[in-house]
Amino acid sequence: MLDDMAANGEIQWCFSQVKGTLDDEITEADIISCVEFNHTGDLLATGDKGGRVVIFQRDPSSKNCMPRRGQYNVYSTFQSHEPEFDYLKSLEIEEKINKIRWLPRKNPAHFLLSTNDKTIKLWKVSERDKRAEGYNLKETGELRQWDSSITSLRVPLLKPMELMVEASPRRVYANAHTYHINSISVNSDQETYLSADDLRINLWHLDITDQSFNIVDIKPANMEELTEVITAAEFHPTECNAFVYSSSKGVIR
């Protein structure tokens, strides 16, 4: 049957893998709002309406199975965004993750951008399988104090430990969008990225959190004359000086 469908050019979708329990009662916070593979396909990041990011890692052994199918296991889970309140506009800002974008990998750690309606965050995801032991200190309760009984300086040693995956926030890009952010896209220069809301597109440098440049603004002088909004924006995959954005009119510029 599958051969006949393949011959007819039809595709049959089916569950390859299910993570978690299939409960009849589903909470709003557990609903997935976005997904994104990294550049190699070995990691899959999902964001949900509860502001959480869950990263799945492909099992290396599943890449060699025939037929080939990727089996993914939970790699890391962390809370990316929390609900906030805009007191100036008396509006609640949801924690829901709108977009996730991976940065090209430059070292053993992974970096990704995640955003809700207003705030973009840069996260570092790294592994730790060793810990330092043999400090020149003694532990007294929760405090570490100099150990006066030590007569010579000891060099701490690295000892193996159970693999630990840590996610730590590196940058927070906030207060640059009046409307809801719908897109983020990393530039091929690996230094800048853009963020788009309903009416504006901003250009950011990854190392600068308090300044962005407005490169597209379609907000009319009179909001009653508003006829379209920005729906998505994306950098060219290789040309760092080109990007595209779409509008609710079905227009691509």
C-alpha atoms as a PDB file:
ATOM      1  CA  MET A   1       0.000   0.000   0.000  1.00  0.00           C
ATOM      2  CA  LEU A   2       2.804   2.406   0.896  1.00  0.00           C
ATOM      3  CA  ASP A   3       4.524   1.556  -2.407  1.00  0.00           C
ATOM      4  CA  ASP A   4       1.324   2.392  -4.300  1.00  0.00           C
ATOM      5  CA  MET A   5       1.027   5.704  -2.461  1.00  0.00           C
ATOM      6  CA  ALA A   6       4.649   6.532  -3.221  1.00  0.00           C
ATOM      7  CA  ALA A   7       4.081   5.738  -6.885  1.00  0.00           C
ATOM      8  CA  ASN A   8       1.098   8.096  -6.944  1.00  0.00           C
ATOM      9  CA  GLY A   9       3.117  10.850  -5.315  1.00  0.00           C
ATOM     10  CA  GLU A  10       1.012  10.814  -2.161  1.00  0.00           C
ATOM     11  CA  ILE A  11       2.474  11.232   1.310  1.00  0.00           C
ATOM     12  CA  GLN A  12       1.106   9.504   4.365  1.00  0.00           C
ATOM     13  CA  TRP A  13       1.835  11.163   7.693  1.00  0.00           C
ATOM     14  CA  CYS A  14       1.999   9.095  10.847  1.00  0.00           C
ATOM     15  CA  PHE A  15       3.418   9.319  14.353  1.00  0.00           C
ATOM     16  CA  SER A  16       7.102   8.431  14.456  1.00  0.00           C
ATOM     17  CA  GLN A  17       7.645   9.163  18.126  1.00  0.00           C
ATOM     18  CA  VAL A  18       5.529  10.420  21.008  1.00  0.00           C
ATOM     19  CA  LYS A  19       7.043  12.167  24.015  1.00  0.00           C
ATOM     20  CA  GLY A  20       5.087  12.582  27.223  1.00  0.00           C
ATOM     21  CA  THR A  21       1.695  11.198  28.130  1.00  0.00           C
ATOM     22  CA  LEU A  22      -1.392  11.520  25.975  1.00  0.00           C
ATOM     23  CA  ASP A  23      -3.831  12.840  28.555  1.00  0.00           C
ATOM     24  CA  ASP A  24      -7.426  13.740  27.840  1.00  0.00           C
ATOM     25  CA  GLU A  25      -6.983  16.979  29.758  1.00  0.00           C
ATOM     26  CA  ILE A  26      -4.458  19.296  28.129  1.00  0.00           C
ATOM     27  CA  THR A  27      -3.458  22.495  29.865  1.00  0.00           C
ATOM     28  CA  GLU A  28      -3.094  25.662  27.818  1.00  0.00           C
ATOM     29  CA  ALA A  29       0.524  26.112  28.926  1.00  0.00           C
ATOM     30  CA  ASP A  30       1.550  22.738  27.438  1.00  0.00           C
ATOM     31  CA  ILE A  31       0.449  23.565  23.887  1.00  0.00           C
ATOM     32  CA  ILE A  32       3.438  23.874  21.529  1.00  0.00           C
ATOM     33  CA  SER A  33       3.642  27.282  19.857  1.00  0.00           C
ATOM     34  CA  CYS A  34       6.810  26.928  17.728  1.00  0.00           C
ATOM     35  CA  VAL A  35       9.467  24.403  16.669  1.00  0.00           C
ATOM     36  CA  GLU A  36      12.921  24.834  15.164  1.00  0.00           C
ATOM     37  CA  PHE A  37      15.731  22.462  14.116  1.00  0.00           C
ATOM     38  CA  ASN A  38      19.338  23.537  14.481  1.00  0.00           C
ATOM     39  CA  HIS A  39      21.561  23.674  11.400  1.00  0.00           C
ATOM     40  CA  THR A  40      22.604  20.011  11.587  1.00  0.00           C
ATOM     41  CA  GLY A  41      19.196  18.594  12.486  1.00  0.00           C
ATOM     42  CA  ASP A  42      20.628  16.945  15.596  1.00  0.00           C
ATOM     43  CA  LEU A  43      18.729  19.257  17.957  1.00  0.00           C
ATOM     44  CA  LEU A  44      15.064  20.216  17.878  1.00  0.00           C
ATOM     45  CA  ALA A  45      13.833  23.099  20.043  1.00  0.00           C
ATOM     46  CA  THR A  46      10.156  23.535  20.868  1.00  0.00           C
ATOM     47  CA  GLY A  47       8.505  26.470  22.599  1.00  0.00           C
ATOM     48  CA  ASP A  48       5.120  26.355  24.307  1.00  0.00           C
ATOM     49  CA  LYS A  49       2.477  28.728  25.591  1.00  0.00           C
ATOM     50  CA  GLY A  50       3.858  28.376  29.122  1.00  0.00           C
ATOM     51  CA  GLY A  51       7.101  30.115  28.127  1.00  0.00           C
ATOM     52  CA  ARG A  52       9.173  26.931  28.263  1.00  0.00           C
ATOM     53  CA  VAL A  53      11.753  25.739  25.759  1.00  0.00           C
ATOM     54  CA  VAL A  54      12.324  21.994  25.428  1.00  0.00           C
ATOM     55  CA  ILE A  55      15.307  20.798  23.394  1.00  0.00           C
ATOM     56  CA  PHE A  56      15.387  17.284  21.950  1.00  0.00           C
ATOM     57  CA  GLN A  57      18.585  15.578  20.784  1.00  0.00           C
ATOM     58  CA  ARG A  58      18.685  12.976  18.044  1.00  0.00           C
ATOM     59  CA  ASP A  59      19.887   9.547  19.081  1.00  0.00           C
ATOM     60  CA  PRO A  60      23.046   8.945  16.977  1.00  0.00           C
ATOM     61  CA  SER A  61      22.242   5.247  16.588  1.00  0.00           C
ATOM     62  CA  SER A  62      18.885   6.033  14.968  1.00  0.00           C
ATOM     63  CA  LYS A  63      20.623   7.773  12.044  1.00  0.00           C
ATOM     64  CA  ASN A  64      21.988   4.432  10.829  1.00  0.00           C
ATOM     65  CA  CYS A  65      18.717   2.499  11.085  1.00  0.00           C
ATOM     66  CA  MET A  66      17.000   1.279   7.943  1.00  0.00           C
ATOM     67  CA  PRO A  67      14.511   2.617   7.175  1.00  0.00           C
ATOM     68  CA  ARG A  68      16.148   5.773   8.475  1.00  0.00           C
ATOM     69  CA  ARG A  69      14.166   7.539  11.162  1.00  0.00           C
ATOM     70  CA  GLY A  70      15.285  10.055  13.721  1.00  0.00           C
ATOM     71  CA  GLN A  71      14.645   9.166  17.336  1.00  0.00           C
ATOM     72  CA  TYR A  72      14.849  12.185  19.638  1.00  0.00           C
ATOM     73  CA  ASN A  73      15.293  12.289  23.403  1.00  0.00           C
ATOM     74  CA  VAL A  74      14.869  15.191  25.800  1.00  0.00           C
ATOM     75  CA  TYR A  75      18.166  17.082  26.026  1.00  0.00           C
ATOM     76  CA  SER A  76      17.292  20.162  28.078  1.00  0.00           C
ATOM     77  CA  THR A  77      14.254  22.004  29.436  1.00  0.00           C
ATOM     78  CA  PHE A  78      14.227  25.554  30.747  1.00  0.00           C
ATOM     79  CA  GLN A  79      11.866  28.446  31.419  1.00  0.00           C
ATOM     80  CA  SER A  80      12.567  31.086  28.800  1.00  0.00           C
ATOM     81  CA  HIS A  81       9.898  33.718  29.498  1.00  0.00           C
ATOM     82  CA  GLU A  82       7.592  34.625  32.358  1.00  0.00           C
ATOM     83  CA  PRO A  83       4.271  36.508  32.161  1.00  0.00           C
ATOM     84  CA  GLU A  84       4.699  40.260  32.536  1.00  0.00           C
ATOM     85  CA  PHE A  85       2.468  43.305  32.800  1.00  0.00           C
ATOM     86  CA  ASP A  86       2.815  46.562  30.880  1.00  0.00           C
ATOM     87  CA  TYR A  87       1.693  49.152  33.406  1.00  0.00           C
ATOM     88  CA  LEU A  88       1.777  52.013  30.901  1.00  0.00           C
ATOM     89  CA  LYS A  89      -0.686  50.297  28.576  1.00  0.00           C
ATOM     90  CA  SER A  90      -2.399  48.147  31.220  1.00  0.00           C
ATOM     91  CA  LEU A  91      -1.757  45.055  29.128  1.00  0.00           C
ATOM     92  CA  GLU A  92      -0.654  41.589  30.170  1.00  0.00           C
ATOM     93  CA  ILE A  93       2.289  40.227  28.188  1.00  0.00           C
ATOM     94  CA  GLU A  94       1.973  36.486  27.663  1.00  0.00           C
ATOM     95  CA  GLU A  95       4.897  34.164  28.261  1.00  0.00           C
ATOM     96  CA  LYS A  96       4.116  32.213  25.064  1.00  0.00           C
ATOM     97  CA  ILE A  97       7.161  31.576  22.869  1.00  0.00           C
ATOM     98  CA  ASN A  98       6.501  32.962  19.380  1.00  0.00           C
ATOM     99  CA  LYS A  99       9.769  32.062  17.640  1.00  0.00           C
ATOM    100  CA  ILE A 100      13.034  30.213  18.233  1.00  0.00           C
ATOM    101  CA  ARG A 101      16.134  30.627  16.082  1.00  0.00           C
ATOM    102  CA  TRP A 102      19.446  28.778  16.420  1.00  0.00           C
ATOM    103  CA  LEU A 103      22.748  30.566  15.926  1.00  0.00           C
ATOM    104  CA  PRO A 104      25.479  28.824  13.900  1.00  0.00           C
ATOM    105  CA  ARG A 105      27.663  26.809  16.239  1.00  0.00           C
ATOM    106  CA  LYS A 106      31.166  28.190  16.890  1.00  0.00           C
ATOM    107  CA  ASN A 107      32.240  26.239  19.985  1.00  0.00           C
ATOM    108  CA  PRO A 108      31.034  23.253  22.048  1.00  0.00           C
ATOM    109  CA  ALA A 109      28.090  25.289  23.371  1.00  0.00           C
ATOM    110  CA  HIS A 110      24.852  25.976  21.500  1.00  0.00           C
ATOM    111  CA  PHE A 111      23.200  29.399  21.283  1.00  0.00           C
ATOM    112  CA  LEU A 112      19.598  30.209  20.420  1.00  0.00           C
ATOM    113  CA  LEU A 113      17.241  33.185  20.364  1.00  0.00           C
ATOM    114  CA  SER A 114      13.730  32.932  21.772  1.00  0.00           C
ATOM    115  CA  THR A 115      11.027  35.578  21.858  1.00  0.00           C
ATOM    116  CA  ASN A 116       7.572  36.213  23.203  1.00  0.00           C
ATOM    117  CA  ASP A 117       5.429  39.191  22.172  1.00  0.00           C
ATOM    118  CA  LYS A 118       7.846  41.836  23.471  1.00  0.00           C
ATOM    119  CA  THR A 119      11.189  40.475  24.679  1.00  0.00           C
ATOM    120  CA  ILE A 120      13.923  38.551  22.856  1.00  0.00           C
ATOM    121  CA  LYS A 121      16.474  36.489  24.789  1.00  0.00           C
ATOM    122  CA  LEU A 122      19.777  34.895  23.817  1.00  0.00           C
ATOM    123  CA  TRP A 123      20.427  31.561  25.532  1.00  0.00           C
ATOM    124  CA  LYS A 124      23.580  29.505  25.903  1.00  0.00           C
ATOM    125  CA  VAL A 125      23.093  25.740  26.184  1.00  0.00           C
ATOM    126  CA  SER A 126      26.214  23.905  27.319  1.00  0.00           C
ATOM    127  CA  GLU A 127      27.262  20.532  28.693  1.00  0.00           C
ATOM    128  CA  ARG A 128      29.250  19.913  31.862  1.00  0.00           C
ATOM    129  CA  ASP A 129      30.633  16.476  32.721  1.00  0.00           C
ATOM    130  CA  LYS A 130      33.511  17.464  35.022  1.00  0.00           C
ATOM    131  CA  ARG A 131      33.732  19.332  38.297  1.00  0.00           C
ATOM    132  CA  ALA A 132      36.632  20.859  40.178  1.00  0.00           C
ATOM    133  CA  GLU A 133      37.653  19.307  43.497  1.00  0.00           C
ATOM    134  CA  GLY A 134      40.441  19.962  45.966  1.00  0.00           C
ATOM    135  CA  TYR A 135      39.988  23.664  46.663  1.00  0.00           C
ATOM    136  CA  ASN A 136      42.091  25.310  49.364  1.00  0.00           C
ATOM    137  CA  LEU A 137      38.912  25.857  51.341  1.00  0.00           C
ATOM    138  CA  LYS A 138      36.821  24.054  53.896  1.00  0.00           C
ATOM    139  CA  GLU A 139      33.050  24.031  53.858  1.00  0.00           C
ATOM    140  CA  THR A 140      31.253  25.255  56.971  1.00  0.00           C
ATOM    141  CA  GLY A 141      27.557  24.751  56.392  1.00  0.00           C
ATOM    142  CA  GLU A 142      26.780  26.677  53.212  1.00  0.00           C
ATOM    143  CA  LEU A 143      29.954  28.803  53.444  1.00  0.00           C
ATOM    144  CA  ARG A 144      33.454  28.117  52.195  1.00  0.00           C
ATOM    145  CA  GLN A 145      36.327  29.410  54.305  1.00  0.00           C
ATOM    146  CA  TRP A 146      40.082  29.306  54.044  1.00  0.00           C
ATOM    147  CA  ASP A 147      41.461  26.077  55.486  1.00  0.00           C
ATOM    148  CA  SER A 148      44.320  27.139  57.779  1.00  0.00           C
ATOM    149  CA  SER A 149      45.460  23.532  58.185  1.00  0.00           C
ATOM    150  CA  ILE A 150      46.707  23.479  54.590  1.00  0.00           C
ATOM    151  CA  THR A 151      50.448  24.204  54.497  1.00  0.00           C
ATOM    152  CA  SER A 152      50.896  24.226  50.710  1.00  0.00           C
ATOM    153  CA  LEU A 153      48.830  25.477  47.810  1.00  0.00           C
ATOM    154  CA  ARG A 154      46.740  22.772  46.184  1.00  0.00           C
ATOM    155  CA  VAL A 155      45.753  22.861  42.528  1.00  0.00           C
ATOM    156  CA  PRO A 156      42.095  21.821  42.068  1.00  0.00           C
ATOM    157  CA  LEU A 157      41.545  18.693  39.994  1.00  0.00           C
ATOM    158  CA  LEU A 158      38.812  18.037  37.461  1.00  0.00           C
ATOM    159  CA  LYS A 159      36.819  14.914  38.302  1.00  0.00           C
ATOM    160  CA  PRO A 160      34.209  13.226  36.075  1.00  0.00           C
ATOM    161  CA  MET A 161      30.565  13.775  36.957  1.00  0.00           C
ATOM    162  CA  GLU A 162      27.176  12.875  35.514  1.00  0.00           C
ATOM    163  CA  LEU A 163      26.452  14.853  32.348  1.00  0.00           C
ATOM    164  CA  MET A 164      24.613  18.077  33.108  1.00  0.00           C
ATOM    165  CA  VAL A 165      23.081  20.332  30.455  1.00  0.00           C
ATOM    166  CA  GLU A 166      22.781  23.954  31.530  1.00  0.00           C
ATOM    167  CA  ALA A 167      20.836  26.769  29.868  1.00  0.00           C
ATOM    168  CA  SER A 168      21.874  30.271  30.875  1.00  0.00           C
ATOM    169  CA  PRO A 169      20.603  33.648  29.598  1.00  0.00           C
ATOM    170  CA  ARG A 170      23.339  35.694  27.918  1.00  0.00           C
ATOM    171  CA  ARG A 171      21.446  38.698  26.530  1.00  0.00           C
ATOM    172  CA  VAL A 172      17.993  40.272  26.896  1.00  0.00           C
ATOM    173  CA  TYR A 173      16.739  42.527  24.098  1.00  0.00           C
ATOM    174  CA  ALA A 174      13.705  44.462  25.299  1.00  0.00           C
ATOM    175  CA  ASN A 175      11.689  47.671  24.926  1.00  0.00           C
ATOM    176  CA  ALA A 176      12.105  47.956  21.153  1.00  0.00           C
ATOM    177  CA  HIS A 177       8.704  46.786  19.892  1.00  0.00           C
ATOM    178  CA  THR A 178       5.358  48.478  20.392  1.00  0.00           C
ATOM    179  CA  TYR A 179       3.452  45.653  18.740  1.00  0.00           C
ATOM    180  CA  HIS A 180       3.672  41.870  18.998  1.00  0.00           C
ATOM    181  CA  ILE A 181       6.857  40.284  17.669  1.00  0.00           C
ATOM    182  CA  ASN A 182       6.058  37.679  15.015  1.00  0.00           C
ATOM    183  CA  SER A 183       9.499  36.924  13.529  1.00  0.00           C
ATOM    184  CA  ILE A 184      13.194  36.812  14.337  1.00  0.00           C
ATOM    185  CA  SER A 185      15.901  35.872  11.841  1.00  0.00           C
ATOM    186  CA  VAL A 186      19.669  35.516  12.257  1.00  0.00           C
ATOM    187  CA  ASN A 187      21.862  37.086   9.590  1.00  0.00           C
ATOM    188  CA  SER A 188      24.482  35.069   7.712  1.00  0.00           C
ATOM    189  CA  ASP A 189      27.147  37.477   9.026  1.00  0.00           C
ATOM    190  CA  GLN A 190      26.538  35.789  12.427  1.00  0.00           C
ATOM    191  CA  GLU A 191      26.675  39.184  14.126  1.00  0.00           C
ATOM    192  CA  THR A 192      23.232  40.684  13.560  1.00  0.00           C
ATOM    193  CA  TYR A 193      19.613  39.606  13.488  1.00  0.00           C
ATOM    194  CA  LEU A 194      16.244  41.167  12.745  1.00  0.00           C
ATOM    195  CA  SER A 195      13.002  41.177  14.661  1.00  0.00           C
ATOM    196  CA  ALA A 196       9.623  42.040  13.185  1.00  0.00           C
ATOM    197  CA  ASP A 197       6.305  43.033  14.686  1.00  0.00           C
ATOM    198  CA  ASP A 198       3.037  44.000  13.008  1.00  0.00           C
ATOM    199  CA  LEU A 199       4.306  47.345  11.683  1.00  0.00           C
ATOM    200  CA  ARG A 200       8.085  47.550  12.102  1.00  0.00           C
ATOM    201  CA  ILE A 201      11.280  45.583  11.519  1.00  0.00           C
ATOM    202  CA  ASN A 202      14.337  46.241  13.685  1.00  0.00           C
ATOM    203  CA  LEU A 203      17.982  45.300  13.145  1.00  0.00           C
ATOM    204  CA  TRP A 204      20.028  44.221  16.176  1.00  0.00           C
ATOM    205  CA  HIS A 205      23.652  43.438  16.909  1.00  0.00           C
ATOM    206  CA  LEU A 206      23.919  40.320  19.047  1.00  0.00           C
ATOM    207  CA  ASP A 207      26.302  42.014  21.497  1.00  0.00           C
ATOM    208  CA  ILE A 208      24.233  45.202  21.952  1.00  0.00           C
ATOM    209  CA  THR A 209      21.016  44.942  23.954  1.00  0.00           C
ATOM    210  CA  ASP A 210      20.025  48.575  24.434  1.00  0.00           C
ATOM    211  CA  GLN A 211      20.049  49.746  20.816  1.00  0.00           C
ATOM    212  CA  SER A 212      18.428  48.602  17.582  1.00  0.00           C
ATOM    213  CA  PHE A 213      17.884  50.204  14.189  1.00  0.00           C
ATOM    214  CA  ASN A 214      14.472  50.509  12.586  1.00  0.00           C
ATOM    215  CA  ILE A 215      14.834  49.396   8.950  1.00  0.00           C
ATOM    216  CA  VAL A 216      11.169  49.019   7.947  1.00  0.00           C
ATOM    217  CA  ASP A 217       8.225  51.072   9.211  1.00  0.00           C
ATOM    218  CA  ILE A 218       4.806  50.744   7.570  1.00  0.00           C
ATOM    219  CA  LYS A 219       2.855  52.503  10.310  1.00  0.00           C
ATOM    220  CA  PRO A 220       0.663  55.194   8.702  1.00  0.00           C
ATOM    221  CA  ALA A 221       0.398  58.676  10.195  1.00  0.00           C
ATOM    222  CA  ASN A 222      -3.291  57.976  10.733  1.00  0.00           C
ATOM    223  CA  MET A 223      -3.968  54.473  12.073  1.00  0.00           C
ATOM    224  CA  GLU A 224      -7.415  54.572  10.479  1.00  0.00           C
ATOM    225  CA  GLU A 225      -5.613  54.312   7.135  1.00  0.00           C
ATOM    226  CA  LEU A 226      -3.906  51.055   8.123  1.00  0.00           C
ATOM    227  CA  THR A 227      -4.488  48.466   5.382  1.00  0.00           C
ATOM    228  CA  GLU A 228      -1.854  45.796   6.040  1.00  0.00           C
ATOM    229  CA  VAL A 229       0.471  44.423   8.703  1.00  0.00           C
ATOM    230  CA  ILE A 230       3.779  42.580   8.572  1.00  0.00           C
ATOM    231  CA  THR A 231       3.310  38.833   8.989  1.00  0.00           C
ATOM    232  CA  ALA A 232       6.873  37.470   8.666  1.00  0.00           C
ATOM    233  CA  ALA A 233      10.465  38.519   7.953  1.00  0.00           C
ATOM    234  CA  GLU A 234      13.547  36.495   7.060  1.00  0.00           C
ATOM    235  CA  PHE A 235      17.183  37.148   6.141  1.00  0.00           C
ATOM    236  CA  HIS A 236      18.644  35.655   2.965  1.00  0.00           C
ATOM    237  CA  PRO A 237      20.470  32.424   3.901  1.00  0.00           C
ATOM    238  CA  THR A 238      23.814  33.547   2.404  1.00  0.00           C
ATOM    239  CA  GLU A 239      23.541  37.212   1.341  1.00  0.00           C
ATOM    240  CA  CYS A 240      23.867  39.298   4.497  1.00  0.00           C
ATOM    241  CA  ASN A 241      22.587  42.467   2.800  1.00  0.00           C
ATOM    242  CA  ALA A 242      19.226  41.041   1.728  1.00  0.00           C
ATOM    243  CA  PHE A 243      16.060  40.134   3.590  1.00  0.00           C
ATOM    244  CA  VAL A 244      12.409  39.600   2.733  1.00  0.00           C
ATOM    245  CA  TYR A 245       9.178  40.311   4.547  1.00  0.00           C
ATOM    246  CA  SER A 246       5.542  39.511   3.862  1.00  0.00           C
ATOM    247  CA  SER A 247       2.317  41.318   4.647  1.00  0.00           C
ATOM    248  CA  SER A 248      -1.293  40.442   5.318  1.00  0.00           C
ATOM    249  CA  LYS A 249      -2.103  41.426   1.727  1.00  0.00           C
ATOM    250  CA  GLY A 250      -0.120  38.435   0.492  1.00  0.00           C
ATOM    251  CA  VAL A 251       2.660  40.717  -0.744  1.00  0.00           C
ATOM    252  CA  ILE A 252       6.361  39.842  -0.442  1.00  0.00           C
ATOM    253  CA  ARG A 253       8.922  42.622  -0.487  1.00  0.00           C
END
